C-alpha cells in the first residue's frame, strides 16, 4: 500500500473539516490535476517543465491541505467567537456582527461561526491600528494570508511581526506596510 493510500482517511478528515466552498475548490483542483496530468511529457511542453504523475500531484495537494488545516487550527485556537467578543466588549452579539460587517473588527469564518483573532484586542478595547492595517489589505477574509501577514516577521517592520510592531507603538509603520501589500 502506498504512503498516500495509507493517509487517505486522515486526508479525508482534513477535507471534511474545511468550509464547503474551500472543499469544492480543492476537489475541483484535484480533479483538474487528475484530468490533465499526462503520464508522459507531451512534446509541446517545455523541457524544463516537469509533469508529475497524478499520485505525486495528489500528495502535493494533500501537503498543502495539511498546512492549511494546521494554520486554520492555530488561528482558531487564538481567536474568540461572536458571543465571547460581545461579552468582552459589553455589547450584544448583533452589535458585534454589525461592527464586523462594517469593517470595524477583524474576523474570519470557520465552519458556521465567525472567529475574531485575540491580538486585535487590548483589554476590552479593539486596537484601532490593527483594524486600520486590516482594512488596507487586499483580501481581508483570506485566513492564511491574514495569519501570514499579521504573524510573520516583516522586513518592512525591521524583522518584527505586524502584531509586535503595533504592540510596540509603531502602528503607522504597520499601516504603511499593509498599504504596500494592498497595492501589489
N, C-alpha and C. Protein backbone atom coordinates (compact mmCIF):
# COMPACT_ATOMS: atom_id res chain seq x y z
N UNK A 1 0.85 -1.18 0.00
CA UNK A 1 0.00 0.00 0.00
C UNK A 1 0.90 1.24 0.00
N UNK A 2 0.56 2.23 -0.82
CA UNK A 2 1.39 3.44 -0.90
C UNK A 2 1.18 4.33 0.32
N UNK A 3 2.13 5.23 0.54
CA UNK A 3 2.04 6.16 1.67
C UNK A 3 0.79 7.03 1.54
N UNK A 4 0.48 7.44 0.32
CA UNK A 4 -0.70 8.27 0.11
C UNK A 4 -1.97 7.49 0.44
N UNK A 5 -2.03 6.24 0.01
CA UNK A 5 -3.21 5.43 0.29
C UNK A 5 -3.39 5.24 1.80
N UNK A 6 -2.27 5.08 2.52
CA UNK A 6 -2.36 4.92 3.97
C UNK A 6 -2.88 6.17 4.65
N UNK A 7 -2.62 7.34 4.05
CA UNK A 7 -3.03 8.61 4.67
C UNK A 7 -4.42 9.05 4.24
N UNK A 8 -5.09 8.33 3.36
CA UNK A 8 -6.38 8.76 2.83
C UNK A 8 -7.43 9.03 3.92
N UNK A 9 -7.57 8.18 4.94
CA UNK A 9 -8.57 8.52 5.98
C UNK A 9 -8.26 9.85 6.67
N UNK A 10 -6.98 10.08 6.96
CA UNK A 10 -6.58 11.34 7.60
C UNK A 10 -6.87 12.52 6.67
N UNK A 11 -6.53 12.37 5.39
CA UNK A 11 -6.76 13.44 4.43
C UNK A 11 -8.24 13.71 4.23
N UNK A 12 -9.03 12.64 4.22
CA UNK A 12 -10.47 12.81 4.08
C UNK A 12 -11.03 13.60 5.27
N UNK A 13 -10.50 13.33 6.46
CA UNK A 13 -10.93 14.07 7.65
C UNK A 13 -10.58 15.54 7.55
N UNK A 14 -9.37 15.83 7.07
CA UNK A 14 -8.96 17.23 6.88
C UNK A 14 -9.86 17.92 5.86
N UNK A 15 -10.17 17.22 4.80
CA UNK A 15 -11.01 17.78 3.75
C UNK A 15 -12.41 18.09 4.29
N UNK A 16 -12.96 17.18 5.08
CA UNK A 16 -14.29 17.37 5.64
C UNK A 16 -14.34 18.55 6.60
N UNK A 17 -13.22 18.90 7.24
CA UNK A 17 -13.20 19.99 8.22
C UNK A 17 -13.20 21.36 7.55
N UNK A 18 -12.89 21.40 6.25
CA UNK A 18 -12.87 22.69 5.55
C UNK A 18 -14.28 23.19 5.29
N UNK A 19 -14.45 24.51 5.18
CA UNK A 19 -15.75 25.04 4.76
C UNK A 19 -16.09 24.51 3.38
N UNK A 20 -17.37 24.39 3.07
CA UNK A 20 -17.80 23.74 1.83
C UNK A 20 -17.23 24.41 0.58
N UNK A 21 -17.12 25.74 0.56
CA UNK A 21 -16.59 26.39 -0.64
C UNK A 21 -15.12 26.06 -0.85
N UNK A 22 -14.32 26.00 0.23
CA UNK A 22 -12.91 25.63 0.11
C UNK A 22 -12.77 24.17 -0.28
N UNK A 23 -13.63 23.32 0.25
CA UNK A 23 -13.59 21.90 -0.08
C UNK A 23 -13.89 21.70 -1.57
N UNK A 24 -14.89 22.42 -2.09
CA UNK A 24 -15.22 22.32 -3.52
C UNK A 24 -14.06 22.78 -4.38
N UNK A 25 -13.42 23.90 -4.00
CA UNK A 25 -12.28 24.41 -4.77
C UNK A 25 -11.15 23.40 -4.80
N UNK A 26 -10.85 22.79 -3.66
CA UNK A 26 -9.78 21.81 -3.59
C UNK A 26 -10.12 20.57 -4.39
N UNK A 27 -11.35 20.10 -4.28
CA UNK A 27 -11.76 18.92 -5.06
C UNK A 27 -11.69 19.22 -6.55
N UNK A 28 -12.12 20.42 -6.97
CA UNK A 28 -12.04 20.80 -8.38
C UNK A 28 -10.59 20.83 -8.85
N UNK A 29 -9.70 21.40 -8.03
CA UNK A 29 -8.28 21.46 -8.40
C UNK A 29 -7.70 20.06 -8.52
N UNK A 30 -8.05 19.19 -7.62
CA UNK A 30 -7.55 17.82 -7.65
C UNK A 30 -8.04 17.12 -8.93
N UNK A 31 -9.31 17.29 -9.26
CA UNK A 31 -9.84 16.66 -10.47
C UNK A 31 -9.18 17.22 -11.73
N UNK A 32 -8.86 18.53 -11.72
CA UNK A 32 -8.15 19.11 -12.88
C UNK A 32 -6.77 18.50 -13.01
N UNK A 33 -6.10 18.28 -11.86
CA UNK A 33 -4.77 17.66 -11.90
C UNK A 33 -4.88 16.25 -12.47
N UNK A 34 -5.85 15.49 -11.99
CA UNK A 34 -6.01 14.13 -12.49
C UNK A 34 -6.33 14.10 -13.98
N UNK A 35 -7.17 15.04 -14.42
CA UNK A 35 -7.58 15.06 -15.82
C UNK A 35 -6.47 15.53 -16.75
N UNK A 36 -5.60 16.39 -16.27
CA UNK A 36 -4.62 17.00 -17.16
C UNK A 36 -3.20 16.49 -16.97
N UNK A 37 -2.91 15.75 -15.91
CA UNK A 37 -1.55 15.28 -15.68
C UNK A 37 -1.23 14.15 -16.63
N UNK A 38 -0.34 14.39 -17.57
CA UNK A 38 -0.02 13.32 -18.54
C UNK A 38 0.90 12.28 -17.91
N UNK A 39 0.78 11.09 -18.37
CA UNK A 39 1.67 10.02 -17.91
C UNK A 39 3.05 10.20 -18.54
N UNK A 40 3.07 10.74 -19.75
CA UNK A 40 4.33 11.05 -20.41
C UNK A 40 4.30 12.52 -20.79
N UNK A 41 5.46 13.11 -20.85
CA UNK A 41 5.54 14.52 -21.19
C UNK A 41 5.16 14.72 -22.66
N UNK A 42 4.32 15.65 -22.90
CA UNK A 42 3.93 16.00 -24.27
C UNK A 42 5.09 16.70 -24.95
N UNK A 43 5.20 16.56 -26.24
CA UNK A 43 6.25 17.24 -26.99
C UNK A 43 6.06 18.75 -26.95
N UNK A 44 4.83 19.19 -26.74
CA UNK A 44 4.57 20.63 -26.74
C UNK A 44 4.94 21.29 -25.40
N UNK A 45 5.23 20.49 -24.37
CA UNK A 45 5.57 21.04 -23.06
C UNK A 45 7.07 21.36 -23.04
N UNK A 46 7.40 22.52 -22.56
CA UNK A 46 8.80 22.93 -22.48
C UNK A 46 9.57 21.92 -21.64
N UNK A 47 10.80 21.57 -22.04
CA UNK A 47 11.54 20.52 -21.32
C UNK A 47 11.86 20.85 -19.86
N UNK A 48 11.86 22.13 -19.48
CA UNK A 48 12.14 22.48 -18.09
C UNK A 48 10.92 22.31 -17.19
N UNK A 49 9.75 22.15 -17.80
CA UNK A 49 8.53 21.96 -17.02
C UNK A 49 8.32 20.48 -16.83
N UNK A 50 8.35 20.05 -15.58
CA UNK A 50 8.16 18.64 -15.29
C UNK A 50 6.69 18.37 -15.05
N UNK A 51 6.18 17.34 -15.68
CA UNK A 51 4.82 16.93 -15.37
C UNK A 51 4.91 15.77 -14.38
N UNK A 52 4.03 15.76 -13.43
CA UNK A 52 4.07 14.76 -12.39
C UNK A 52 2.92 13.78 -12.56
N UNK A 53 3.15 12.60 -12.10
CA UNK A 53 2.09 11.60 -12.09
C UNK A 53 0.99 12.07 -11.15
N UNK A 54 -0.24 11.64 -11.38
CA UNK A 54 -1.34 12.07 -10.50
C UNK A 54 -1.09 11.81 -9.02
N UNK A 55 -0.43 10.72 -8.67
CA UNK A 55 -0.18 10.43 -7.25
C UNK A 55 0.75 11.47 -6.64
N UNK A 56 1.75 11.93 -7.41
CA UNK A 56 2.67 12.95 -6.92
C UNK A 56 1.93 14.27 -6.74
N UNK A 57 1.10 14.63 -7.73
CA UNK A 57 0.32 15.87 -7.63
C UNK A 57 -0.65 15.79 -6.46
N UNK A 58 -1.29 14.64 -6.28
CA UNK A 58 -2.24 14.48 -5.17
C UNK A 58 -1.52 14.61 -3.82
N UNK A 59 -0.30 14.07 -3.73
CA UNK A 59 0.47 14.18 -2.48
C UNK A 59 0.80 15.63 -2.19
N UNK A 60 1.14 16.40 -3.23
CA UNK A 60 1.42 17.83 -3.05
C UNK A 60 0.18 18.57 -2.58
N UNK A 61 -0.96 18.25 -3.17
CA UNK A 61 -2.22 18.86 -2.74
C UNK A 61 -2.51 18.50 -1.29
N UNK A 62 -2.26 17.25 -0.92
CA UNK A 62 -2.50 16.80 0.45
C UNK A 62 -1.61 17.54 1.44
N UNK A 63 -0.33 17.76 1.07
CA UNK A 63 0.57 18.51 1.96
C UNK A 63 0.07 19.94 2.13
N UNK A 64 -0.36 20.55 1.05
CA UNK A 64 -0.90 21.91 1.14
C UNK A 64 -2.15 21.96 2.01
N UNK A 65 -2.99 20.97 1.86
CA UNK A 65 -4.21 20.90 2.68
C UNK A 65 -3.86 20.74 4.15
N UNK A 66 -2.88 19.91 4.46
CA UNK A 66 -2.47 19.71 5.85
C UNK A 66 -1.92 21.00 6.44
N UNK A 67 -1.11 21.75 5.65
CA UNK A 67 -0.57 23.03 6.13
C UNK A 67 -1.70 24.03 6.38
N UNK A 68 -2.65 24.08 5.46
CA UNK A 68 -3.79 25.00 5.61
C UNK A 68 -4.59 24.63 6.86
N UNK A 69 -4.80 23.34 7.08
CA UNK A 69 -5.56 22.89 8.24
C UNK A 69 -4.84 23.26 9.53
N UNK A 70 -3.51 23.10 9.57
CA UNK A 70 -2.74 23.43 10.77
C UNK A 70 -2.78 24.93 11.04
N UNK A 71 -2.67 25.73 9.98
CA UNK A 71 -2.74 27.18 10.12
C UNK A 71 -4.11 27.59 10.64
N UNK A 72 -5.15 27.02 10.06
CA UNK A 72 -6.52 27.33 10.49
C UNK A 72 -6.73 26.93 11.95
N UNK A 73 -6.24 25.77 12.34
CA UNK A 73 -6.40 25.31 13.73
C UNK A 73 -5.69 26.26 14.70
N UNK A 74 -4.50 26.72 14.33
CA UNK A 74 -3.78 27.66 15.19
C UNK A 74 -4.53 28.98 15.29
N UNK A 75 -5.06 29.45 14.18
CA UNK A 75 -5.80 30.71 14.21
C UNK A 75 -7.07 30.59 15.04
N UNK A 76 -7.78 29.48 14.89
CA UNK A 76 -9.00 29.26 15.68
C UNK A 76 -8.66 29.19 17.17
N UNK A 77 -7.55 28.54 17.50
CA UNK A 77 -7.15 28.41 18.91
C UNK A 77 -6.83 29.76 19.55
N UNK A 78 -6.42 30.73 18.74
CA UNK A 78 -6.07 32.06 19.25
C UNK A 78 -7.10 33.10 18.84
N UNK A 79 -8.36 32.69 18.86
CA UNK A 79 -9.44 33.62 18.49
C UNK A 79 -10.64 33.41 19.40
N UNK A 80 -11.57 34.33 19.31
CA UNK A 80 -12.80 34.25 20.10
C UNK A 80 -14.01 34.19 19.17
N UNK A 81 -15.09 33.64 19.70
CA UNK A 81 -16.36 33.57 18.96
C UNK A 81 -17.11 34.89 19.12
N UNK A 82 -18.18 35.04 18.37
CA UNK A 82 -19.00 36.25 18.46
C UNK A 82 -19.53 36.47 19.87
N UNK A 83 -20.10 35.47 20.55
CA UNK A 83 -20.57 35.70 21.93
C UNK A 83 -19.45 36.10 22.89
N UNK A 84 -18.26 35.52 22.69
CA UNK A 84 -17.13 35.86 23.56
C UNK A 84 -16.70 37.32 23.34
N UNK A 85 -16.69 37.76 22.10
CA UNK A 85 -16.32 39.15 21.80
C UNK A 85 -17.40 40.09 22.33
N UNK A 86 -18.65 39.70 22.20
CA UNK A 86 -19.75 40.52 22.72
C UNK A 86 -19.59 40.72 24.23
N UNK A 87 -19.26 39.64 24.95
CA UNK A 87 -19.06 39.74 26.39
C UNK A 87 -17.85 40.62 26.71
N UNK A 88 -16.77 40.46 25.95
CA UNK A 88 -15.56 41.25 26.16
C UNK A 88 -15.83 42.74 25.98
N UNK A 89 -16.56 43.08 24.91
CA UNK A 89 -16.83 44.49 24.60
C UNK A 89 -18.04 45.05 25.34
N UNK A 90 -18.82 44.18 25.98
CA UNK A 90 -20.00 44.63 26.71
C UNK A 90 -21.13 45.07 25.79
N UNK A 91 -21.26 44.39 24.65
CA UNK A 91 -22.32 44.71 23.70
C UNK A 91 -23.03 43.41 23.32
N UNK A 92 -24.07 43.52 22.51
CA UNK A 92 -24.79 42.33 22.07
C UNK A 92 -24.04 41.65 20.91
N UNK A 93 -24.41 40.40 20.67
CA UNK A 93 -23.83 39.69 19.53
C UNK A 93 -24.19 40.38 18.22
N UNK A 94 -25.40 40.94 18.16
CA UNK A 94 -25.82 41.67 16.96
C UNK A 94 -24.93 42.89 16.73
N UNK A 95 -24.52 43.56 17.79
CA UNK A 95 -23.64 44.73 17.65
C UNK A 95 -22.26 44.30 17.15
N UNK A 96 -21.79 43.15 17.61
CA UNK A 96 -20.51 42.63 17.13
C UNK A 96 -20.61 42.30 15.64
N UNK A 97 -21.68 41.67 15.25
CA UNK A 97 -21.89 41.32 13.84
C UNK A 97 -21.95 42.58 12.99
N UNK A 98 -22.66 43.58 13.45
CA UNK A 98 -22.76 44.84 12.71
C UNK A 98 -21.38 45.50 12.57
N UNK A 99 -20.65 45.49 13.65
CA UNK A 99 -19.31 46.10 13.61
C UNK A 99 -18.39 45.34 12.65
N UNK A 100 -18.50 44.01 12.65
CA UNK A 100 -17.70 43.19 11.74
C UNK A 100 -18.05 43.48 10.29
N UNK A 101 -19.34 43.54 9.98
CA UNK A 101 -19.76 43.77 8.58
C UNK A 101 -19.37 45.15 8.08
N UNK A 102 -19.20 46.10 8.99
CA UNK A 102 -18.78 47.45 8.59
C UNK A 102 -17.25 47.59 8.56
N UNK A 103 -16.54 46.49 8.86
CA UNK A 103 -15.08 46.52 8.80
C UNK A 103 -14.41 46.98 10.08
N UNK A 104 -15.14 47.05 11.17
CA UNK A 104 -14.58 47.52 12.43
C UNK A 104 -13.98 46.43 13.30
N UNK A 105 -14.08 45.18 12.86
CA UNK A 105 -13.48 44.06 13.57
C UNK A 105 -12.86 43.11 12.56
N UNK A 106 -11.74 42.54 12.92
CA UNK A 106 -11.07 41.55 12.07
C UNK A 106 -11.69 40.21 12.39
N UNK A 107 -12.17 39.51 11.38
CA UNK A 107 -12.83 38.23 11.61
C UNK A 107 -12.68 37.34 10.39
N UNK A 108 -12.81 36.05 10.63
CA UNK A 108 -12.81 35.08 9.55
C UNK A 108 -13.83 34.01 9.87
N UNK A 109 -14.35 33.41 8.83
CA UNK A 109 -15.38 32.38 9.00
C UNK A 109 -14.70 31.03 9.20
N UNK A 110 -15.14 30.34 10.23
CA UNK A 110 -14.67 28.98 10.48
C UNK A 110 -15.90 28.11 10.68
N UNK A 111 -16.07 27.16 9.78
CA UNK A 111 -17.27 26.33 9.75
C UNK A 111 -18.46 27.28 9.65
N UNK A 112 -19.34 27.27 10.61
CA UNK A 112 -20.51 28.17 10.55
C UNK A 112 -20.40 29.32 11.53
N UNK A 113 -19.21 29.57 12.05
CA UNK A 113 -19.00 30.57 13.09
C UNK A 113 -18.00 31.62 12.62
N UNK A 114 -18.15 32.83 13.09
CA UNK A 114 -17.15 33.87 12.86
C UNK A 114 -16.19 33.86 14.02
N UNK A 115 -14.90 33.96 13.73
CA UNK A 115 -13.86 33.96 14.74
C UNK A 115 -13.11 35.28 14.66
N UNK A 116 -12.72 35.80 15.83
CA UNK A 116 -12.07 37.11 15.96
C UNK A 116 -10.70 36.92 16.59
N UNK A 117 -9.60 37.14 15.84
CA UNK A 117 -8.27 36.95 16.42
C UNK A 117 -8.10 37.79 17.69
N UNK A 118 -7.54 37.17 18.72
CA UNK A 118 -7.38 37.83 20.02
C UNK A 118 -6.43 39.01 19.97
N UNK A 119 -5.44 38.97 19.07
CA UNK A 119 -4.44 40.02 19.04
C UNK A 119 -5.00 41.38 18.62
N UNK A 120 -6.22 41.42 18.10
CA UNK A 120 -6.79 42.71 17.74
C UNK A 120 -7.38 43.46 18.93
N UNK A 121 -7.37 42.80 20.10
CA UNK A 121 -7.93 43.40 21.31
C UNK A 121 -6.82 43.73 22.30
N UNK A 122 -7.02 44.83 22.99
CA UNK A 122 -6.14 45.20 24.11
C UNK A 122 -7.08 45.45 25.28
N UNK A 123 -7.07 44.51 26.20
CA UNK A 123 -8.06 44.57 27.28
C UNK A 123 -9.44 44.37 26.68
N UNK A 124 -10.34 45.30 26.99
CA UNK A 124 -11.69 45.20 26.43
C UNK A 124 -11.90 46.20 25.29
N UNK A 125 -10.82 46.58 24.66
CA UNK A 125 -10.89 47.54 23.54
C UNK A 125 -10.31 46.90 22.28
N UNK A 126 -10.81 47.35 21.14
CA UNK A 126 -10.27 46.92 19.86
C UNK A 126 -9.09 47.83 19.53
N UNK A 127 -8.02 47.24 19.04
CA UNK A 127 -6.85 48.03 18.63
C UNK A 127 -7.19 48.68 17.28
N UNK A 128 -7.43 49.99 17.26
CA UNK A 128 -7.82 50.62 16.00
C UNK A 128 -6.73 50.52 14.94
N UNK A 129 -5.46 50.46 15.36
CA UNK A 129 -4.37 50.36 14.39
C UNK A 129 -4.37 49.01 13.69
N UNK A 130 -4.74 47.95 14.39
CA UNK A 130 -4.83 46.63 13.77
C UNK A 130 -5.95 46.63 12.73
N UNK A 131 -7.07 47.24 13.08
CA UNK A 131 -8.20 47.31 12.15
C UNK A 131 -7.84 48.18 10.94
N UNK A 132 -7.12 49.28 11.17
CA UNK A 132 -6.70 50.15 10.05
C UNK A 132 -5.79 49.38 9.10
N UNK A 133 -4.87 48.59 9.64
CA UNK A 133 -3.99 47.78 8.79
C UNK A 133 -4.81 46.72 8.05
N UNK A 134 -5.74 46.11 8.73
CA UNK A 134 -6.62 45.08 8.15
C UNK A 134 -7.36 45.64 6.94
N UNK A 135 -7.86 46.86 7.08
CA UNK A 135 -8.64 47.47 6.00
C UNK A 135 -7.78 47.81 4.78
N UNK A 136 -6.46 47.89 4.96
CA UNK A 136 -5.57 48.19 3.84
C UNK A 136 -5.22 46.93 3.05
N UNK A 137 -5.38 45.76 3.65
CA UNK A 137 -5.00 44.52 2.98
C UNK A 137 -5.99 44.19 1.86
N UNK A 138 -5.51 43.56 0.79
CA UNK A 138 -6.36 43.33 -0.37
C UNK A 138 -7.48 42.33 -0.16
N UNK A 139 -7.25 41.24 0.55
CA UNK A 139 -8.28 40.23 0.75
C UNK A 139 -8.37 39.93 2.23
N UNK A 140 -9.23 40.65 2.92
CA UNK A 140 -9.26 40.57 4.38
C UNK A 140 -9.87 39.28 4.90
N UNK A 141 -10.42 38.44 4.04
CA UNK A 141 -11.04 37.20 4.53
C UNK A 141 -10.25 35.97 4.12
N UNK A 142 -9.03 36.16 3.65
CA UNK A 142 -8.15 35.05 3.33
C UNK A 142 -7.43 34.67 4.62
N UNK A 143 -7.87 33.59 5.25
CA UNK A 143 -7.35 33.21 6.56
C UNK A 143 -5.84 33.02 6.53
N UNK A 144 -5.34 32.28 5.56
CA UNK A 144 -3.91 32.02 5.51
C UNK A 144 -3.15 33.33 5.31
N UNK A 145 -3.62 34.17 4.41
CA UNK A 145 -2.97 35.46 4.19
C UNK A 145 -3.00 36.33 5.44
N UNK A 146 -4.11 36.31 6.13
CA UNK A 146 -4.25 37.08 7.37
C UNK A 146 -3.24 36.60 8.40
N UNK A 147 -3.17 35.30 8.61
CA UNK A 147 -2.23 34.74 9.58
C UNK A 147 -0.81 35.07 9.17
N UNK A 148 -0.49 34.82 7.92
CA UNK A 148 0.88 35.09 7.47
C UNK A 148 1.25 36.54 7.67
N UNK A 149 0.39 37.43 7.25
CA UNK A 149 0.77 38.84 7.28
C UNK A 149 0.89 39.39 8.70
N UNK A 150 -0.07 39.12 9.54
CA UNK A 150 -0.04 39.67 10.90
C UNK A 150 0.91 38.94 11.84
N UNK A 151 1.28 37.71 11.53
CA UNK A 151 2.05 36.93 12.49
C UNK A 151 3.47 36.57 12.06
N UNK A 152 3.85 36.90 10.83
CA UNK A 152 5.21 36.60 10.38
C UNK A 152 6.06 37.86 10.38
N UNK A 153 7.35 37.71 10.69
CA UNK A 153 8.24 38.87 10.66
C UNK A 153 8.26 39.53 9.27
N UNK A 154 8.38 40.84 9.29
CA UNK A 154 8.38 41.61 8.04
C UNK A 154 9.66 42.44 7.95
N UNK A 155 10.28 42.41 6.79
CA UNK A 155 11.48 43.24 6.57
C UNK A 155 11.11 44.72 6.69
N UNK A 156 9.91 45.09 6.25
CA UNK A 156 9.47 46.49 6.35
C UNK A 156 9.35 46.94 7.80
N UNK A 157 9.17 46.01 8.70
CA UNK A 157 9.00 46.34 10.12
C UNK A 157 10.24 45.93 10.92
N UNK A 158 11.39 45.91 10.25
CA UNK A 158 12.68 45.58 10.86
C UNK A 158 12.65 44.22 11.57
N UNK A 159 12.06 43.25 10.89
CA UNK A 159 12.05 41.88 11.40
C UNK A 159 10.96 41.58 12.42
N UNK A 160 10.15 42.56 12.74
CA UNK A 160 9.06 42.33 13.70
C UNK A 160 7.81 41.86 12.97
N UNK A 161 6.91 41.22 13.70
CA UNK A 161 5.61 40.90 13.14
C UNK A 161 4.76 42.17 13.22
N UNK A 162 3.76 42.31 12.36
CA UNK A 162 2.86 43.46 12.49
C UNK A 162 2.23 43.57 13.88
N UNK A 163 1.89 42.44 14.49
CA UNK A 163 1.30 42.48 15.83
C UNK A 163 2.30 43.07 16.82
N UNK A 164 3.55 42.60 16.78
CA UNK A 164 4.57 43.11 17.70
C UNK A 164 4.82 44.60 17.48
N UNK A 165 4.81 45.03 16.21
CA UNK A 165 5.02 46.45 15.92
C UNK A 165 3.88 47.29 16.46
N UNK A 166 2.65 46.82 16.34
CA UNK A 166 1.50 47.54 16.90
C UNK A 166 1.63 47.63 18.41
N UNK A 167 1.98 46.50 19.04
CA UNK A 167 2.13 46.48 20.50
C UNK A 167 3.25 47.41 20.96
N UNK A 168 4.27 47.61 20.11
CA UNK A 168 5.39 48.49 20.45
C UNK A 168 5.09 49.95 20.14
N UNK A 169 3.88 50.23 19.64
CA UNK A 169 3.50 51.60 19.36
C UNK A 169 3.91 52.11 17.98
N UNK A 170 4.28 51.21 17.10
CA UNK A 170 4.71 51.59 15.75
C UNK A 170 3.61 51.29 14.73
N UNK A 171 2.40 51.68 15.07
CA UNK A 171 1.24 51.37 14.23
C UNK A 171 1.31 52.02 12.85
N UNK A 172 1.87 53.21 12.77
CA UNK A 172 1.95 53.89 11.47
C UNK A 172 2.75 53.06 10.47
N UNK A 173 3.84 52.43 10.93
CA UNK A 173 4.65 51.59 10.05
C UNK A 173 3.86 50.36 9.62
N UNK A 174 3.02 49.82 10.50
CA UNK A 174 2.21 48.65 10.16
C UNK A 174 1.17 49.01 9.11
N UNK A 175 0.51 50.15 9.29
CA UNK A 175 -0.48 50.58 8.30
C UNK A 175 0.19 50.84 6.95
N UNK A 176 1.38 51.44 6.99
CA UNK A 176 2.13 51.68 5.74
C UNK A 176 2.49 50.35 5.07
N UNK A 177 2.95 49.37 5.87
CA UNK A 177 3.32 48.07 5.32
C UNK A 177 2.08 47.40 4.73
N UNK A 178 0.95 47.52 5.40
CA UNK A 178 -0.29 46.93 4.89
C UNK A 178 -0.72 47.60 3.59
N UNK A 179 -0.53 48.90 3.49
CA UNK A 179 -0.91 49.59 2.25
C UNK A 179 -0.02 49.14 1.10
N UNK A 180 1.24 48.82 1.40
CA UNK A 180 2.13 48.31 0.37
C UNK A 180 1.63 46.94 -0.11
N UNK A 181 1.25 46.06 0.82
CA UNK A 181 0.71 44.75 0.45
C UNK A 181 -0.55 44.93 -0.38
N UNK A 182 -1.40 45.87 0.02
CA UNK A 182 -2.65 46.11 -0.69
C UNK A 182 -2.46 46.68 -2.08
N UNK A 183 -1.30 47.31 -2.33
CA UNK A 183 -1.08 47.93 -3.64
C UNK A 183 -0.44 46.97 -4.63
N UNK A 184 0.01 45.80 -4.15
CA UNK A 184 0.69 44.86 -5.04
C UNK A 184 -0.28 44.03 -5.81
